[in-house]
Structure formats: structure tokens, C-alpha cells
């Protein structure tokens, strides 16, 4: 996937499990974070994603500065300037040196002791700013006595990530990895997903077009040359998380969702979890993650009558509950 959205931490982990053979549990996905194989950071569009740790550096080299410029008005509103970000960097380096790890609250306490206010959204934007610089990322999960953990430790990239991959042509690799995991798609889709300008997206497509890894289906539509095959054991109906890549990652989202149902899936700036039946969004679903309500069954809001049988939908939601350890 290269990167999958992870605003909802549980949802980003479910997105990975849904694309993995067998039935991996939340604990198994968390183990990949703990081993340093995957991390979370603001990789594009000012949005936090799960990404292979080795790919974080070159992706941020393409997107980080643009994201930082996009946050300029927010920084002005919060009273954050270059000097304060530099101070935050020095404080974070000292606090996390030698492989240290801190929760978000603990890092904000470091900033406060160093004379940096984290009031309102200042702490959050300091964290994002340092992540866009490639200094920090969210790595191992914070243990929780009851229920799934909702938090990761913040670590120094230079200490936590052991290996960095640098493609020969990062822009071409960016486009290729997007198409391989999201195609059929085109440059407008890639521009939306990556947050890069359309002209840059077109240059990326031109650079990737002769690699042999992509096949052009139409004037502005590519797929992977070695198209992935559906595994025989894959279920026809799956429960997918909020901010799901299958739905959200395209300029036009009607290939997998009827136009009349788009607004039911999108709720302002958020996106509801979806039930996908044979490639079509047929329902949204909800489930409380409050500790006292984890035992309750998810509820389904149908969009397409007869889109999936009751048995199929129950099985999909039971796989989700098994993933969560319920």
C-alpha cells in the first residue's frame, strides 16, 4: 500500500489486517510496530498514515515541505514560528536521545518545561512540524491494561528506523507504488492522494511509464503490470475501517460506491467504516471503542438492499471483532 490512512489508530491497523492473508489480530499488527517495520507519521496532505519505516524518509522528502507550507496559516494563528520549532527540535532531541520514547503527553510536558506552550492546538502542531522535518515518528505501541491501545510512543527517526530505502527516482516510485496498490487510477487520483500538484503528478507518471511495472489502460489510467490476484480464501464481504483507502483515495469515488450513497459514507471531514461486498460499498457500520462498550455488537446501516446476505455481513463483522480481540 506504501501508506494507508491512520487517523483512527485502530482503523489503520484494521486496514492492514484486511489486506493480509489469514486472520491477523490487532496484537500481531501491533507487533509489527514494536519491531519497527511500520510507523505512523504525517506523510501527505497533512494526514497521518501508516507506512513501512524504510519508506518514510524519501516520501517526506517529496511531501514534507509542501505540507509545512500548507500549515503556515495555522502556525500564524497558533503563534508558532521557525524559532519555536527549532527550540522544540532541540528539546525533543535531548529528551529522546539514546533510543528514548515518550507518550504525546510526556513530550508536551517536555515542551512546557522548556518554555514552549502546548495550549490549544500548539502541542499538536509542534509534533506535526517536527514529524514533517523527519525528526520524529510514532513507533511502538503504548501498552494498555484493558482493551486495545490507542496510542504510540514518539521516537527519534534516526534512532528508531534502522534502514532507509532511497529509490533511484523517488517521484516515479511514488506514482508506481500508488498505482500498484490503488489502480486502475490516473494522475488526478494520484495528485489528490499524494497532495502534490497536478503538474508534478503528471511528471511522476511520465517518469514511471517506462519502468515495466505499470500498464497504461487508457490515456490517463494505469494498472500494475503484474496485477495482484485475489486469494481463493478471501471473503466476498469485508468490514473496512473509517478513512478507508479503497474509497477515499481517488478524485472520483463512484467506481466502488454509487453516487447517491457518497454522502452517507462521508460525514463532513470524516469517513464512516464501510461494508464492502464484491467490490461495492453496500453499508456503513459503527462500533463503540469505549472500554465499557467493546463487548457490544457493531451496528449496520444498509445502503444497498440485498447487497450482502445477513450471514455474510455477520461473518465480516465477526472477523473484525476477532481482530479486535473480542
C-alpha atoms as a PDB file:
ATOM      1  CA  UNK A   1       0.000   0.000   0.000  1.00  0.00           C
ATOM      2  CA  UNK A   2       3.022   2.260   0.621  1.00  0.00           C
ATOM      3  CA  UNK A   3       0.812   4.237   3.007  1.00  0.00           C
ATOM      4  CA  UNK A   4      -2.676   3.788   4.414  1.00  0.00           C
ATOM      5  CA  UNK A   5      -4.570   6.429   6.350  1.00  0.00           C
ATOM      6  CA  UNK A   6      -4.364   6.107  10.108  1.00  0.00           C
ATOM      7  CA  UNK A   7      -6.206   8.998  11.772  1.00  0.00           C
ATOM      8  CA  UNK A   8      -8.136   6.376  13.711  1.00  0.00           C
ATOM      9  CA  UNK A   9      -5.302   4.217  15.022  1.00  0.00           C
ATOM     10  CA  UNK A  10      -7.480   1.108  15.282  1.00  0.00           C
ATOM     11  CA  UNK A  11      -8.738   1.732  11.746  1.00  0.00           C
ATOM     12  CA  UNK A  12      -5.282   1.990  10.224  1.00  0.00           C
ATOM     13  CA  UNK A  13      -4.383  -1.322  11.812  1.00  0.00           C
ATOM     14  CA  UNK A  14      -7.603  -2.973  10.573  1.00  0.00           C
ATOM     15  CA  UNK A  15      -6.829  -1.724   7.058  1.00  0.00           C
ATOM     16  CA  UNK A  16      -3.546  -3.652   7.158  1.00  0.00           C
ATOM     17  CA  UNK A  17      -5.126  -6.809   8.602  1.00  0.00           C
ATOM     18  CA  UNK A  18      -7.864  -6.787   5.949  1.00  0.00           C
ATOM     19  CA  UNK A  19      -5.156  -6.954   3.280  1.00  0.00           C
ATOM     20  CA  UNK A  20      -3.200  -9.769   4.913  1.00  0.00           C
ATOM     21  CA  UNK A  21      -3.716 -13.483   4.336  1.00  0.00           C
ATOM     22  CA  UNK A  22      -5.179 -15.396   7.204  1.00  0.00           C
ATOM     23  CA  UNK A  23      -6.757 -13.579  10.118  1.00  0.00           C
ATOM     24  CA  UNK A  24      -4.104 -11.474  11.853  1.00  0.00           C
ATOM     25  CA  UNK A  25      -5.058  -9.987  15.192  1.00  0.00           C
ATOM     26  CA  UNK A  26      -4.601  -6.470  16.460  1.00  0.00           C
ATOM     27  CA  UNK A  27      -1.771  -7.756  18.652  1.00  0.00           C
ATOM     28  CA  UNK A  28       0.035  -9.123  15.600  1.00  0.00           C
ATOM     29  CA  UNK A  29      -0.241  -5.801  13.775  1.00  0.00           C
ATOM     30  CA  UNK A  30       0.986  -4.013  16.899  1.00  0.00           C
ATOM     31  CA  UNK A  31       3.970  -6.363  16.981  1.00  0.00           C
ATOM     32  CA  UNK A  32       4.995  -5.027  13.549  1.00  0.00           C
ATOM     33  CA  UNK A  33       5.008  -1.509  15.037  1.00  0.00           C
ATOM     34  CA  UNK A  34       7.013  -2.753  18.014  1.00  0.00           C
ATOM     35  CA  UNK A  35       9.574  -4.390  15.695  1.00  0.00           C
ATOM     36  CA  UNK A  36       9.986  -1.117  13.801  1.00  0.00           C
ATOM     37  CA  UNK A  37       8.689  -2.473  10.488  1.00  0.00           C
ATOM     38  CA  UNK A  38       5.911   0.119  10.230  1.00  0.00           C
ATOM     39  CA  UNK A  39       5.411   3.575  11.751  1.00  0.00           C
ATOM     40  CA  UNK A  40       2.833   6.353  11.676  1.00  0.00           C
ATOM     41  CA  UNK A  41       3.536   9.879  10.525  1.00  0.00           C
ATOM     42  CA  UNK A  42       2.085  12.754   8.515  1.00  0.00           C
ATOM     43  CA  UNK A  43       3.199  11.519   5.123  1.00  0.00           C
ATOM     44  CA  UNK A  44       0.867  13.521   2.860  1.00  0.00           C
ATOM     45  CA  UNK A  45      -1.974  16.065   2.805  1.00  0.00           C
ATOM     46  CA  UNK A  46      -1.354  16.878   6.479  1.00  0.00           C
ATOM     47  CA  UNK A  47      -2.884  13.486   7.283  1.00  0.00           C
ATOM     48  CA  UNK A  48      -1.340  10.756   9.403  1.00  0.00           C
ATOM     49  CA  UNK A  49      -0.665   7.447   7.654  1.00  0.00           C
ATOM     50  CA  UNK A  50       0.804   4.042   8.437  1.00  0.00           C
ATOM     51  CA  UNK A  51       3.885   3.467   6.266  1.00  0.00           C
ATOM     52  CA  UNK A  52       6.777   0.994   6.095  1.00  0.00           C
ATOM     53  CA  UNK A  53       9.505   2.572   8.188  1.00  0.00           C
ATOM     54  CA  UNK A  54      12.099   2.242   5.437  1.00  0.00           C
ATOM     55  CA  UNK A  55       9.957   4.375   3.085  1.00  0.00           C
ATOM     56  CA  UNK A  56       9.247   7.255   5.462  1.00  0.00           C
ATOM     57  CA  UNK A  57      12.323   9.350   4.640  1.00  0.00           C
ATOM     58  CA  UNK A  58      12.020   9.520   0.860  1.00  0.00           C
ATOM     59  CA  UNK A  59       8.265  10.098   0.960  1.00  0.00           C
ATOM     60  CA  UNK A  60       8.683  13.036   3.364  1.00  0.00           C
ATOM     61  CA  UNK A  61      11.427  14.398   1.116  1.00  0.00           C
ATOM     62  CA  UNK A  62       8.747  14.721  -1.581  1.00  0.00           C
ATOM     63  CA  UNK A  63       5.839  15.910   0.557  1.00  0.00           C
ATOM     64  CA  UNK A  64       7.157  17.387   3.799  1.00  0.00           C
ATOM     65  CA  UNK A  65       7.991  20.927   2.694  1.00  0.00           C
ATOM     66  CA  UNK A  66       4.702  21.306   0.808  1.00  0.00           C
ATOM     67  CA  UNK A  67       2.772  20.136   3.865  1.00  0.00           C
ATOM     68  CA  UNK A  68       4.713  22.562   6.050  1.00  0.00           C
ATOM     69  CA  UNK A  69       3.880  25.475   3.736  1.00  0.00           C
ATOM     70  CA  UNK A  70       0.252  24.405   3.774  1.00  0.00           C
ATOM     71  CA  UNK A  71       0.229  24.750   7.561  1.00  0.00           C
ATOM     72  CA  UNK A  72       1.569  28.325   7.526  1.00  0.00           C
ATOM     73  CA  UNK A  73      -1.764  29.969   8.311  1.00  0.00           C
ATOM     74  CA  UNK A  74      -2.364  27.571  11.202  1.00  0.00           C
ATOM     75  CA  UNK A  75       1.106  28.277  12.570  1.00  0.00           C
ATOM     76  CA  UNK A  76       0.445  32.016  12.411  1.00  0.00           C
ATOM     77  CA  UNK A  77      -2.852  31.570  14.229  1.00  0.00           C
ATOM     78  CA  UNK A  78      -1.171  29.474  16.928  1.00  0.00           C
ATOM     79  CA  UNK A  79       1.784  31.852  17.183  1.00  0.00           C
ATOM     80  CA  UNK A  80       4.333  29.251  16.054  1.00  0.00           C
ATOM     81  CA  UNK A  81       7.402  30.401  14.167  1.00  0.00           C
ATOM     82  CA  UNK A  82      10.692  28.934  12.962  1.00  0.00           C
ATOM     83  CA  UNK A  83      12.477  29.755  16.221  1.00  0.00           C
ATOM     84  CA  UNK A  84       9.884  27.902  18.282  1.00  0.00           C
ATOM     85  CA  UNK A  85      10.036  24.865  16.017  1.00  0.00           C
ATOM     86  CA  UNK A  86      13.823  24.880  16.335  1.00  0.00           C
ATOM     87  CA  UNK A  87      13.530  25.046  20.119  1.00  0.00           C
ATOM     88  CA  UNK A  88      11.032  22.186  20.048  1.00  0.00           C
ATOM     89  CA  UNK A  89      13.500  20.169  17.969  1.00  0.00           C
ATOM     90  CA  UNK A  90      16.322  20.756  20.469  1.00  0.00           C
ATOM     91  CA  UNK A  91      14.090  19.805  23.403  1.00  0.00           C
ATOM     92  CA  UNK A  92      12.850  16.663  21.671  1.00  0.00           C
ATOM     93  CA  UNK A  93      16.363  15.565  20.713  1.00  0.00           C
ATOM     94  CA  UNK A  94      17.554  15.888  24.304  1.00  0.00           C
ATOM     95  CA  UNK A  95      14.522  14.106  25.773  1.00  0.00           C
ATOM     96  CA  UNK A  96      14.594  11.211  23.294  1.00  0.00           C
ATOM     97  CA  UNK A  97      18.367  10.783  22.850  1.00  0.00           C
ATOM     98  CA  UNK A  98      19.761   7.284  23.074  1.00  0.00           C
ATOM     99  CA  UNK A  99      16.623   5.461  21.998  1.00  0.00           C
ATOM    100  CA  UNK A 100      14.213   7.159  24.373  1.00  0.00           C
ATOM    101  CA  UNK A 101      10.470   7.037  23.864  1.00  0.00           C
ATOM    102  CA  UNK A 102       7.717   9.298  25.177  1.00  0.00           C
ATOM    103  CA  UNK A 103       3.952   9.418  25.016  1.00  0.00           C
ATOM    104  CA  UNK A 104       2.420  12.508  23.466  1.00  0.00           C
ATOM    105  CA  UNK A 105       1.521  13.856  26.914  1.00  0.00           C
ATOM    106  CA  UNK A 106       5.085  13.306  28.144  1.00  0.00           C
ATOM    107  CA  UNK A 107       6.560  15.063  25.099  1.00  0.00           C
ATOM    108  CA  UNK A 108       4.229  18.014  25.612  1.00  0.00           C
ATOM    109  CA  UNK A 109       5.390  18.205  29.225  1.00  0.00           C
ATOM    110  CA  UNK A 110       8.984  18.415  27.922  1.00  0.00           C
ATOM    111  CA  UNK A 111       7.966  21.332  25.701  1.00  0.00           C
ATOM    112  CA  UNK A 112       6.206  23.093  28.580  1.00  0.00           C
ATOM    113  CA  UNK A 113       9.228  22.741  30.880  1.00  0.00           C
ATOM    114  CA  UNK A 114      11.377  24.145  28.092  1.00  0.00           C
ATOM    115  CA  UNK A 115       9.210  27.259  27.806  1.00  0.00           C
ATOM    116  CA  UNK A 116       7.024  26.206  24.851  1.00  0.00           C
ATOM    117  CA  UNK A 117       3.290  26.414  25.417  1.00  0.00           C
ATOM    118  CA  UNK A 118       1.255  23.464  24.145  1.00  0.00           C
ATOM    119  CA  UNK A 119      -2.092  25.149  24.851  1.00  0.00           C
ATOM    120  CA  UNK A 120      -4.951  24.810  22.382  1.00  0.00           C
ATOM    121  CA  UNK A 121      -3.506  23.070  19.303  1.00  0.00           C
ATOM    122  CA  UNK A 122       0.084  24.274  19.713  1.00  0.00           C
ATOM    123  CA  UNK A 123       1.384  20.961  21.033  1.00  0.00           C
ATOM    124  CA  UNK A 124      -0.190  19.037  18.177  1.00  0.00           C
ATOM    125  CA  UNK A 125       1.233  21.378  15.554  1.00  0.00           C
ATOM    126  CA  UNK A 126       4.689  21.248  17.136  1.00  0.00           C
ATOM    127  CA  UNK A 127       4.539  17.453  16.902  1.00  0.00           C
ATOM    128  CA  UNK A 128       3.397  17.559  13.278  1.00  0.00           C
ATOM    129  CA  UNK A 129       6.047  20.134  12.383  1.00  0.00           C
ATOM    130  CA  UNK A 130       8.850  18.007  13.817  1.00  0.00           C
ATOM    131  CA  UNK A 131       7.441  14.915  12.109  1.00  0.00           C
ATOM    132  CA  UNK A 132       7.385  16.690   8.737  1.00  0.00           C
ATOM    133  CA  UNK A 133      11.053  17.547   9.274  1.00  0.00           C
ATOM    134  CA  UNK A 134      11.704  13.803   9.555  1.00  0.00           C
ATOM    135  CA  UNK A 135      12.827  14.134  13.161  1.00  0.00           C
ATOM    136  CA  UNK A 136      10.023  12.253  14.941  1.00  0.00           C
ATOM    137  CA  UNK A 137       7.626   9.427  14.173  1.00  0.00           C
ATOM    138  CA  UNK A 138       5.148   7.302  16.087  1.00  0.00           C
ATOM    139  CA  UNK A 139       6.592   3.850  16.598  1.00  0.00           C
ATOM    140  CA  UNK A 140       5.990   1.194  19.277  1.00  0.00           C
ATOM    141  CA  UNK A 141       2.536   0.985  20.823  1.00  0.00           C
ATOM    142  CA  UNK A 142       1.862   2.134  24.371  1.00  0.00           C
ATOM    143  CA  UNK A 143       0.643  -0.881  26.411  1.00  0.00           C
ATOM    144  CA  UNK A 144      -2.863  -0.707  27.826  1.00  0.00           C
ATOM    145  CA  UNK A 145      -4.099  -2.930  30.632  1.00  0.00           C
ATOM    146  CA  UNK A 146      -7.632  -3.351  29.255  1.00  0.00           C
ATOM    147  CA  UNK A 147      -8.765  -3.158  25.673  1.00  0.00           C
ATOM    148  CA  UNK A 148      -6.796  -2.185  22.565  1.00  0.00           C
ATOM    149  CA  UNK A 149      -4.177   0.511  22.931  1.00  0.00           C
ATOM    150  CA  UNK A 150      -4.965   3.831  21.286  1.00  0.00           C
ATOM    151  CA  UNK A 151      -1.515   5.378  21.445  1.00  0.00           C
ATOM    152  CA  UNK A 152       2.055   5.003  20.232  1.00  0.00           C
ATOM    153  CA  UNK A 153       5.326   6.176  21.671  1.00  0.00           C
ATOM    154  CA  UNK A 154       7.019   9.066  19.926  1.00  0.00           C
ATOM    155  CA  UNK A 155      10.611   8.318  18.966  1.00  0.00           C
ATOM    156  CA  UNK A 156      13.512   9.850  17.077  1.00  0.00           C
ATOM    157  CA  UNK A 157      13.533   8.630  13.474  1.00  0.00           C
ATOM    158  CA  UNK A 158      17.331   8.405  13.448  1.00  0.00           C
ATOM    159  CA  UNK A 159      17.295   6.047  16.449  1.00  0.00           C
ATOM    160  CA  UNK A 160      14.177   4.003  15.693  1.00  0.00           C
ATOM    161  CA  UNK A 161      14.366   3.360  11.941  1.00  0.00           C
ATOM    162  CA  UNK A 162      17.281   1.065  11.206  1.00  0.00           C
ATOM    163  CA  UNK A 163      17.077   1.035   7.401  1.00  0.00           C
ATOM    164  CA  UNK A 164      16.109   3.729   4.903  1.00  0.00           C
ATOM    165  CA  UNK A 165      15.339   2.941   1.269  1.00  0.00           C
ATOM    166  CA  UNK A 166      16.103   5.629  -1.320  1.00  0.00           C
ATOM    167  CA  UNK A 167      14.659   4.837  -4.789  1.00  0.00           C
ATOM    168  CA  UNK A 168      16.642   5.814  -7.860  1.00  0.00           C
ATOM    169  CA  UNK A 169      13.736   8.064  -8.901  1.00  0.00           C
ATOM    170  CA  UNK A 170      11.587   8.804  -5.819  1.00  0.00           C
ATOM    171  CA  UNK A 171       8.870  10.645  -7.757  1.00  0.00           C
ATOM    172  CA  UNK A 172       8.443   7.758 -10.211  1.00  0.00           C
ATOM    173  CA  UNK A 173       8.461   5.294  -7.303  1.00  0.00           C
ATOM    174  CA  UNK A 174       5.774   7.318  -5.519  1.00  0.00           C
ATOM    175  CA  UNK A 175       3.459   7.104  -8.538  1.00  0.00           C
ATOM    176  CA  UNK A 176       4.263   3.456  -9.182  1.00  0.00           C
ATOM    177  CA  UNK A 177       3.568   2.374  -5.617  1.00  0.00           C
ATOM    178  CA  UNK A 178       0.276   4.246  -5.670  1.00  0.00           C
ATOM    179  CA  UNK A 179      -0.871   2.594  -8.901  1.00  0.00           C
ATOM    180  CA  UNK A 180       0.277  -0.889  -7.872  1.00  0.00           C
ATOM    181  CA  UNK A 181      -1.839  -0.687  -4.706  1.00  0.00           C
ATOM    182  CA  UNK A 182      -4.721   1.521  -5.906  1.00  0.00           C
ATOM    183  CA  UNK A 183      -5.042   1.071  -9.679  1.00  0.00           C
ATOM    184  CA  UNK A 184      -6.787   1.427 -12.015  1.00  0.00           C
ATOM    185  CA  UNK A 185      -6.128   5.118 -11.355  1.00  0.00           C
ATOM    186  CA  UNK A 186      -4.691   8.192 -13.012  1.00  0.00           C
ATOM    187  CA  UNK A 187      -2.755  11.358 -12.367  1.00  0.00           C
ATOM    188  CA  UNK A 188      -5.687  13.279 -10.863  1.00  0.00           C
ATOM    189  CA  UNK A 189      -6.201  10.462  -8.389  1.00  0.00           C
ATOM    190  CA  UNK A 190      -2.506  10.406  -7.530  1.00  0.00           C
ATOM    191  CA  UNK A 191      -2.412  14.193  -7.157  1.00  0.00           C
ATOM    192  CA  UNK A 192      -5.299  14.066  -4.674  1.00  0.00           C
ATOM    193  CA  UNK A 193      -3.826  11.143  -2.734  1.00  0.00           C
ATOM    194  CA  UNK A 194      -0.270  12.453  -2.574  1.00  0.00           C
ATOM    195  CA  UNK A 195      -1.146  16.118  -2.098  1.00  0.00           C
ATOM    196  CA  UNK A 196       1.265  17.028  -4.914  1.00  0.00           C
ATOM    197  CA  UNK A 197       0.343  19.493  -7.697  1.00  0.00           C
ATOM    198  CA  UNK A 198      -1.229  18.009 -10.824  1.00  0.00           C
ATOM    199  CA  UNK A 199       1.768  19.044 -12.934  1.00  0.00           C
ATOM    200  CA  UNK A 200       4.084  17.163 -10.580  1.00  0.00           C
ATOM    201  CA  UNK A 201       1.751  14.160 -10.704  1.00  0.00           C
ATOM    202  CA  UNK A 202       1.959  14.162 -14.492  1.00  0.00           C
ATOM    203  CA  UNK A 203       5.759  14.272 -14.366  1.00  0.00           C
ATOM    204  CA  UNK A 204       5.673  11.358 -11.944  1.00  0.00           C
ATOM    205  CA  UNK A 205       3.511   9.350 -14.359  1.00  0.00           C
ATOM    206  CA  UNK A 206       5.823  10.112 -17.271  1.00  0.00           C
ATOM    207  CA  UNK A 207       8.839   9.028 -15.249  1.00  0.00           C
ATOM    208  CA  UNK A 208       7.148   5.791 -14.170  1.00  0.00           C
ATOM    209  CA  UNK A 209       5.563   4.934 -17.506  1.00  0.00           C
ATOM    210  CA  UNK A 210       8.569   3.159 -18.986  1.00  0.00           C
ATOM    211  CA  UNK A 211       9.546   1.167 -15.914  1.00  0.00           C
ATOM    212  CA  UNK A 212       7.764  -2.036 -16.953  1.00  0.00           C
ATOM    213  CA  UNK A 213       5.962  -2.150 -13.607  1.00  0.00           C
ATOM    214  CA  UNK A 214       2.831  -0.389 -14.915  1.00  0.00           C
ATOM    215  CA  UNK A 215       0.448  -0.904 -17.827  1.00  0.00           C
ATOM    216  CA  UNK A 216      -1.390   2.040 -19.366  1.00  0.00           C
ATOM    217  CA  UNK A 217      -5.050   1.119 -19.893  1.00  0.00           C
ATOM    218  CA  UNK A 218      -6.182   4.453 -21.312  1.00  0.00           C
ATOM    219  CA  UNK A 219      -4.881   7.990 -21.836  1.00  0.00           C
ATOM    220  CA  UNK A 220      -4.712   8.670 -18.097  1.00  0.00           C
ATOM    221  CA  UNK A 221      -5.314   5.300 -16.462  1.00  0.00           C
ATOM    222  CA  UNK A 222      -2.701   2.798 -15.263  1.00  0.00           C
ATOM    223  CA  UNK A 223      -2.694  -0.560 -13.502  1.00  0.00           C
ATOM    224  CA  UNK A 224       0.092  -2.745 -12.169  1.00  0.00           C
ATOM    225  CA  UNK A 225       1.755  -4.762 -14.924  1.00  0.00           C
ATOM    226  CA  UNK A 226       1.812  -7.720 -12.538  1.00  0.00           C
ATOM    227  CA  UNK A 227      -1.735  -7.381 -11.302  1.00  0.00           C
ATOM    228  CA  UNK A 228      -2.407  -8.884  -7.869  1.00  0.00           C
ATOM    229  CA  UNK A 229      -4.570 -11.977  -7.800  1.00  0.00           C
ATOM    230  CA  UNK A 230      -7.435 -12.435  -5.426  1.00  0.00           C
ATOM    231  CA  UNK A 231      -6.636 -15.211  -2.967  1.00  0.00           C
ATOM    232  CA  UNK A 232      -9.187 -18.069  -3.070  1.00  0.00           C
ATOM    233  CA  UNK A 233      -9.764 -17.794   0.681  1.00  0.00           C
ATOM    234  CA  UNK A 234     -10.558 -14.066   0.576  1.00  0.00           C
ATOM    235  CA  UNK A 235     -14.161 -13.401   1.680  1.00  0.00           C
ATOM    236  CA  UNK A 236     -16.625 -11.674  -0.638  1.00  0.00           C
ATOM    237  CA  UNK A 237     -17.773  -9.284   2.090  1.00  0.00           C
ATOM    238  CA  UNK A 238     -15.340  -7.389   4.330  1.00  0.00           C
ATOM    239  CA  UNK A 239     -15.687  -4.824   7.101  1.00  0.00           C
ATOM    240  CA  UNK A 240     -13.313  -1.947   6.421  1.00  0.00           C
ATOM    241  CA  UNK A 241     -12.355   0.972   8.664  1.00  0.00           C
ATOM    242  CA  UNK A 242     -13.008   4.702   8.540  1.00  0.00           C
ATOM    243  CA  UNK A 243     -10.796   6.670   6.138  1.00  0.00           C
ATOM    244  CA  UNK A 244     -10.504   3.502   4.055  1.00  0.00           C
ATOM    245  CA  UNK A 245      -8.111   3.697   1.097  1.00  0.00           C
ATOM    246  CA  UNK A 246     -10.425   1.704  -1.199  1.00  0.00           C
ATOM    247  CA  UNK A 247     -12.967   4.518  -1.034  1.00  0.00           C
ATOM    248  CA  UNK A 248     -11.142   7.714  -0.123  1.00  0.00           C
ATOM    249  CA  UNK A 249      -8.019   7.634  -2.289  1.00  0.00           C
ATOM    250  CA  UNK A 250      -9.462   8.799  -5.611  1.00  0.00           C
ATOM    251  CA  UNK A 251     -10.612  12.052  -7.154  1.00  0.00           C
ATOM    252  CA  UNK A 252     -13.766  10.201  -8.300  1.00  0.00           C
ATOM    253  CA  UNK A 253     -15.079   7.748  -5.698  1.00  0.00           C
ATOM    254  CA  UNK A 254     -18.008   6.354  -7.654  1.00  0.00           C
ATOM    255  CA  UNK A 255     -16.237   3.264  -9.013  1.00  0.00           C
ATOM    256  CA  UNK A 256     -16.834   1.441  -5.735  1.00  0.00           C
ATOM    257  CA  UNK A 257     -19.740   3.432  -4.344  1.00  0.00           C
ATOM    258  CA  UNK A 258     -22.937   4.554  -6.079  1.00  0.00           C
ATOM    259  CA  UNK A 259     -23.078   8.368  -6.301  1.00  0.00           C
ATOM    260  CA  UNK A 260     -26.275   8.553  -4.257  1.00  0.00           C
ATOM    261  CA  UNK A 261     -24.505   6.892  -1.311  1.00  0.00           C
ATOM    262  CA  UNK A 262     -21.357   9.045  -1.189  1.00  0.00           C
ATOM    263  CA  UNK A 263     -22.765  11.475   1.358  1.00  0.00           C
ATOM    264  CA  UNK A 264     -23.838   8.622   3.621  1.00  0.00           C
ATOM    265  CA  UNK A 265     -20.221   7.399   3.744  1.00  0.00           C
ATOM    266  CA  UNK A 266     -18.641  10.835   4.098  1.00  0.00           C
ATOM    267  CA  UNK A 267     -19.580  12.755   7.224  1.00  0.00           C
ATOM    268  CA  UNK A 268     -18.127  16.239   6.842  1.00  0.00           C
ATOM    269  CA  UNK A 269     -14.362  15.792   7.001  1.00  0.00           C
ATOM    270  CA  UNK A 270     -14.652  12.248   8.317  1.00  0.00           C
ATOM    271  CA  UNK A 271     -15.494   8.924   6.722  1.00  0.00           C
ATOM    272  CA  UNK A 272     -17.544   6.133   8.246  1.00  0.00           C
ATOM    273  CA  UNK A 273     -16.453   2.467   8.318  1.00  0.00           C
ATOM    274  CA  UNK A 274     -17.868   0.545   5.363  1.00  0.00           C
ATOM    275  CA  UNK A 275     -19.013  -2.930   4.415  1.00  0.00           C
ATOM    276  CA  UNK A 276     -17.654  -3.891   1.009  1.00  0.00           C
ATOM    277  CA  UNK A 277     -19.463  -6.655  -0.908  1.00  0.00           C
ATOM    278  CA  UNK A 278     -17.809  -7.915  -4.076  1.00  0.00           C
ATOM    279  CA  UNK A 279     -16.119  -4.554  -4.576  1.00  0.00           C
ATOM    280  CA  UNK A 280     -19.172  -2.365  -3.861  1.00  0.00           C
ATOM    281  CA  UNK A 281     -19.879  -0.277  -0.774  1.00  0.00           C
ATOM    282  CA  UNK A 282     -23.208  -1.649   0.475  1.00  0.00           C
ATOM    283  CA  UNK A 283     -23.386  -0.354   4.065  1.00  0.00           C
ATOM    284  CA  UNK A 284     -21.737   1.699   6.763  1.00  0.00           C
ATOM    285  CA  UNK A 285     -21.222   0.391  10.277  1.00  0.00           C
ATOM    286  CA  UNK A 286     -20.357   1.679  13.711  1.00  0.00           C
ATOM    287  CA  UNK A 287     -18.873   0.232  16.874  1.00  0.00           C
ATOM    288  CA  UNK A 288     -18.008   1.937  20.142  1.00  0.00           C
ATOM    289  CA  UNK A 289     -14.406   1.569  21.285  1.00  0.00           C
ATOM    290  CA  UNK A 290     -15.139   2.712  24.814  1.00  0.00           C
ATOM    291  CA  UNK A 291     -13.902   0.018  27.212  1.00  0.00           C
ATOM    292  CA  UNK A 292     -17.357  -0.451  28.693  1.00  0.00           C
ATOM    293  CA  UNK A 293     -18.913  -0.980  25.244  1.00  0.00           C
ATOM    294  CA  UNK A 294     -16.381  -3.101  23.406  1.00  0.00           C
ATOM    295  CA  UNK A 295     -18.485  -6.200  24.061  1.00  0.00           C
ATOM    296  CA  UNK A 296     -21.458  -4.762  22.151  1.00  0.00           C
ATOM    297  CA  UNK A 297     -22.055  -5.860  18.564  1.00  0.00           C
ATOM    298  CA  UNK A 298     -21.420  -3.387  15.737  1.00  0.00           C
ATOM    299  CA  UNK A 299     -24.489  -1.839  14.115  1.00  0.00           C
ATOM    300  CA  UNK A 300     -25.033  -1.712  10.338  1.00  0.00           C
ATOM    301  CA  UNK A 301     -26.713   0.976   8.241  1.00  0.00           C
ATOM    302  CA  UNK A 302     -27.586  -0.549   4.873  1.00  0.00           C
ATOM    303  CA  UNK A 303     -27.185   1.487   1.698  1.00  0.00           C
ATOM    304  CA  UNK A 304     -27.838  -1.208  -0.915  1.00  0.00           C
ATOM    305  CA  UNK A 305     -30.759  -3.531  -0.302  1.00  0.00           C
ATOM    306  CA  UNK A 306     -29.651  -7.119  -0.815  1.00  0.00           C
ATOM    307  CA  UNK A 307     -26.034  -6.080  -1.279  1.00  0.00           C
ATOM    308  CA  UNK A 308     -24.913  -8.828   1.091  1.00  0.00           C
ATOM    309  CA  UNK A 309     -26.660 -11.602   2.940  1.00  0.00           C
ATOM    310  CA  UNK A 310     -27.144 -11.431   6.687  1.00  0.00           C
ATOM    311  CA  UNK A 311     -24.728 -14.337   7.078  1.00  0.00           C
ATOM    312  CA  UNK A 312     -22.061 -12.568   5.002  1.00  0.00           C
ATOM    313  CA  UNK A 313     -22.354  -9.311   6.921  1.00  0.00           C
ATOM    314  CA  UNK A 314     -22.322 -11.077  10.289  1.00  0.00           C
ATOM    315  CA  UNK A 315     -19.239 -13.047   9.259  1.00  0.00           C
ATOM    316  CA  UNK A 316     -17.455  -9.852   8.145  1.00  0.00           C
ATOM    317  CA  UNK A 317     -18.194  -8.108  11.435  1.00  0.00           C
ATOM    318  CA  UNK A 318     -17.198 -11.188  13.435  1.00  0.00           C
ATOM    319  CA  UNK A 319     -13.822 -11.153  11.666  1.00  0.00           C
ATOM    320  CA  UNK A 320     -13.457  -7.531  12.730  1.00  0.00           C
ATOM    321  CA  UNK A 321     -14.381  -8.406  16.332  1.00  0.00           C
ATOM    322  CA  UNK A 322     -11.910 -11.301  16.327  1.00  0.00           C
ATOM    323  CA  UNK A 323      -9.260  -8.907  15.043  1.00  0.00           C
ATOM    324  CA  UNK A 324     -10.006  -6.573  17.969  1.00  0.00           C
ATOM    325  CA  UNK A 325      -9.755  -9.499  20.375  1.00  0.00           C
ATOM    326  CA  UNK A 326     -13.446  -9.594  21.238  1.00  0.00           C
END
